[in-house]
Every structure is written in C-alpha cells, then in structure tokens.
Protein backbone atom coordinates (compact mmCIF):
# COMPACT_ATOMS: atom_id res chain seq x y z
CA ASP A 1 -0.03 0.29 -0.22
CA GLY A 2 1.46 3.20 -0.97
CA TRP A 3 -0.15 5.46 1.77
CA ALA A 4 1.06 3.27 4.86
CA GLY A 5 4.30 5.23 5.76
CA VAL A 6 2.09 8.88 5.35
CA LEU A 7 -0.66 7.33 6.76
CA ASN A 8 1.89 5.71 9.57
CA ASP A 9 3.56 9.07 9.89
CA VAL A 10 -0.09 10.87 10.51
CA LYS A 11 -0.76 8.65 13.27
CA LEU A 12 2.62 9.02 14.92
CA HIS A 13 2.86 12.70 14.47
CA GLY A 14 -0.41 14.21 13.00
CA LYS A 15 -1.57 15.53 10.55
CA TYR A 16 0.76 17.82 8.09
CA ASP A 17 -0.50 21.38 8.17
CA PHE A 18 -0.33 21.88 4.37
CA VAL A 19 0.31 19.31 1.13
CA ILE A 20 0.53 20.68 -2.36
CA THR A 21 -0.42 18.50 -5.07
CA SER A 22 0.13 20.08 -8.71
CA HIS A 23 -0.70 18.58 -12.23
CA LEU A 24 -1.27 14.55 -10.86
CA LEU A 25 -4.99 14.49 -10.33
CA GLU A 26 -5.44 14.55 -14.11
CA ASP A 27 -3.27 11.80 -14.90
CA VAL A 28 -4.57 9.06 -12.46
CA ILE A 29 -7.01 6.57 -12.72
CA ASN A 30 -9.04 7.58 -9.69
CA PRO A 31 -8.92 11.16 -8.95
CA SER A 32 -12.01 10.76 -5.93
CA PHE A 33 -8.89 8.02 -4.03
CA LEU A 34 -6.91 10.60 -4.21
CA VAL A 35 -9.18 13.57 -3.48
CA ASN A 36 -10.76 11.73 -0.52
CA MET A 37 -7.03 11.07 1.17
CA LEU A 38 -5.63 14.53 1.07
CA PRO A 39 -7.83 15.90 4.33
CA LYS A 40 -6.75 12.10 5.96
CA VAL A 41 -3.19 13.36 5.99
CA ALA A 42 -3.25 17.28 5.79
CA LYS A 43 -5.17 20.25 7.53
CA ALA A 44 -5.31 22.09 4.49
CA GLY A 45 -3.15 22.28 0.68
CA TYR A 46 -3.67 23.41 -2.99
CA VAL A 47 -4.56 21.63 -6.08
CA ALA A 48 -3.28 22.42 -9.45
CA VAL A 49 -4.58 21.03 -12.71
CA PRO A 50 -4.65 21.97 -16.89
CA SER A 51 -7.40 24.69 -16.77
CA LYS A 52 -10.01 23.23 -19.20
CA TYR A 53 -8.91 25.65 -21.53
CA HIS A 54 -5.48 24.28 -21.81
CA GLU A 55 -6.60 20.80 -21.93
CA LEU A 56 -9.41 21.34 -24.69
CA MET A 57 -6.98 23.28 -27.07
CA ARG A 58 -5.10 21.47 -30.13
CA ASN A 59 -1.47 21.23 -29.68
CA PRO A 60 1.26 21.49 -31.85
CA SER A 61 2.61 17.86 -32.23
CA PRO A 62 6.29 18.24 -31.53
CA ASP A 63 7.20 15.35 -33.92
CA PRO A 64 7.00 16.26 -37.24
CA ASN A 65 5.52 12.81 -38.56
CA ALA A 66 2.37 12.85 -36.44
CA ILE A 67 -0.81 12.02 -38.02
CA ARG A 68 -3.05 14.57 -36.46
CA ARG A 69 -2.68 17.43 -33.66
CA PHE A 70 -4.89 16.36 -30.31
CA ARG A 71 -6.37 18.13 -27.79
CA GLY A 72 -4.16 18.61 -24.29
CA ALA A 73 -1.64 16.34 -23.35
CA ILE A 74 -2.49 12.90 -24.72
CA HIS A 75 -1.86 10.97 -21.25
CA HIS A 76 -4.72 13.31 -19.33
CA ARG A 77 -7.67 10.80 -18.07
CA TRP A 78 -9.45 14.27 -16.39
CA ILE A 79 -10.32 17.62 -17.17
CA PHE A 80 -11.05 19.69 -14.27
CA THR A 81 -13.56 22.82 -13.97
CA VAL A 82 -15.01 23.95 -10.64
CA LYS A 83 -19.12 23.99 -10.39
CA ASP A 84 -20.73 25.67 -7.27
CA GLY A 85 -17.52 25.86 -4.79
CA VAL A 86 -16.40 22.02 -6.13
CA LEU A 87 -14.11 20.37 -8.29
CA PHE A 88 -15.51 18.43 -11.18
CA ALA A 89 -14.07 15.32 -12.42
CA VAL A 90 -15.16 15.08 -16.05
CA PRO A 91 -13.31 12.05 -18.47
CA LYS A 92 -11.30 13.20 -20.97
CA LEU A 93 -12.77 10.96 -24.22
CA PRO A 94 -11.36 10.07 -27.40
CA VAL A 95 -15.12 11.82 -28.83
CA MET A 96 -13.50 15.29 -27.55
CA ASP A 97 -11.23 15.27 -29.75
CA MET A 98 -13.28 15.17 -32.66
CA ASP A 99 -16.03 17.69 -31.50
CA SER A 100 -15.63 20.73 -33.05
CA THR A 101 -17.93 21.99 -29.92
CA TYR A 102 -14.27 22.69 -28.35
CA ASP A 103 -12.75 24.83 -30.88
CA ALA A 104 -13.75 27.72 -29.43
CA MET A 105 -11.53 27.40 -26.08
CA GLU A 106 -8.55 27.16 -27.96
CA GLU A 107 -7.97 31.26 -27.96
CA LEU A 108 -8.44 30.77 -23.74
CA GLY A 109 -5.76 27.78 -23.75
CA ALA A 110 -3.49 29.77 -25.77
CA ASN A 111 -3.46 32.23 -23.09
CA ASN A 112 -0.42 31.63 -20.11
CA SER A 113 -2.82 33.15 -17.42
CA GLN A 114 -5.99 30.37 -18.56
CA ARG A 115 -3.19 27.55 -17.95
CA ASP A 116 -3.58 26.34 -14.72
CA LEU A 117 -6.87 25.75 -12.18
CA ALA A 118 -5.69 26.14 -8.89
CA LEU A 119 -7.09 26.26 -5.46
CA LEU A 120 -7.06 26.20 -1.66
CA TRP A 121 -8.79 23.43 0.28
CA GLN A 122 -8.92 23.37 3.75
CA GLY A 123 -10.83 20.74 5.99
CA HIS A 124 -11.79 19.25 2.75
CA LEU A 125 -11.32 18.83 -0.95
CA PRO A 126 -15.15 18.39 -2.30
CA LEU A 127 -14.89 16.63 -5.58
CA LYS A 128 -17.64 15.37 -7.91
CA VAL A 129 -17.82 13.04 -10.88
CA LEU A 130 -19.39 13.45 -13.88
CA ASN A 131 -22.25 11.31 -13.43
CA ASN A 132 -20.77 9.21 -11.16
CA GLY A 133 -18.43 8.24 -13.90
CA PHE A 134 -21.15 6.71 -15.90
CA MET A 135 -20.57 7.11 -19.09
CA GLY A 136 -23.82 6.52 -20.85
CA PRO A 137 -27.06 5.29 -21.57
CA SER A 138 -26.14 6.25 -24.90
CA GLU A 139 -23.33 8.12 -27.07
CA ASN A 140 -25.81 10.88 -27.61
CA ASP A 141 -26.16 11.52 -23.72
CA VAL A 142 -22.27 11.18 -23.45
CA VAL A 143 -21.51 14.11 -25.86
CA ARG A 144 -24.52 15.67 -24.42
CA MET A 145 -23.02 15.60 -20.60
CA LEU A 146 -19.31 16.35 -21.55
CA ARG A 147 -20.22 19.66 -23.77
CA GLU A 148 -22.27 20.84 -20.80
CA ALA A 149 -20.08 20.02 -18.21
CA VAL A 150 -16.81 22.22 -19.40
C-alpha cells in the first residue's frame, strides 16, 4: 500500500499542516481516491491541474510525422473545472478530440494566464465526478453531458 508510510507518519505525528498536489489529478485513474486521502493526511492544501481551456486546445505535436493534432496532453485522463465551489472531474474521452464544440476554447487555452486551475482547500476537498463516472446510457447522452460539463 503506497499510502501506508504516510498514514503511519500521520498516526505518529499528526496531520501535515499543508500539502501541495500539482498536475497530478488529471493523470490518475481514480482522482476521487486521491482527493479523499488528502484531508486524511493534511489540514489544508493546494491543488493545481491544467485548466479546461488549456486541456481542450489542440497542441502542435512535437513529432513532425504526427498524424494529427490532439487536444491537451495525450496522457491526461481527466479535465477539471469548478462548479458551485466543488472540483468537478470530467473524463477526457476520445470523442472530445473530434468535437468542434470545444474549438472556441483554443484562444483561452493559449493564454498563459488561463493555463492552470488552482485552488486552496481546508478541512476537506469537495470533488464530484461527471455522472458518477457512468458514461451512458447513449452516445448522444455522453456527448451532451461532456459539452454541458465544460
């Protein structure tokens, strides 16, 4: 268990005053697990992820032989935003790469001041996953949910 050492340290010495999680949540399979662990080990913290604007812009590929440009970092699994004070996780699905609805966000994503989404938390870090992680019941429903979420 990767958390055993940290949890044991917290048991012996108490929670850390502050933790920083920067550009990690978008990479993990289950961001809910990590977000639930943070308040168990710290009193407060800072979370930074790529902004939805940056993650939805088409990046020029560093590979001159690349077939096409893709949205955001190819290895990211999640796009985050904040809704009603809650960190909101949207799965980054391949259909988003093909949907021109997100093209309007490219200009915002290219603006360095819009590159990151960062927030401070204390006590707990509220997180909601789009449709509790269920991508259905139909393709049209999924596309609609994704468009409304970001």
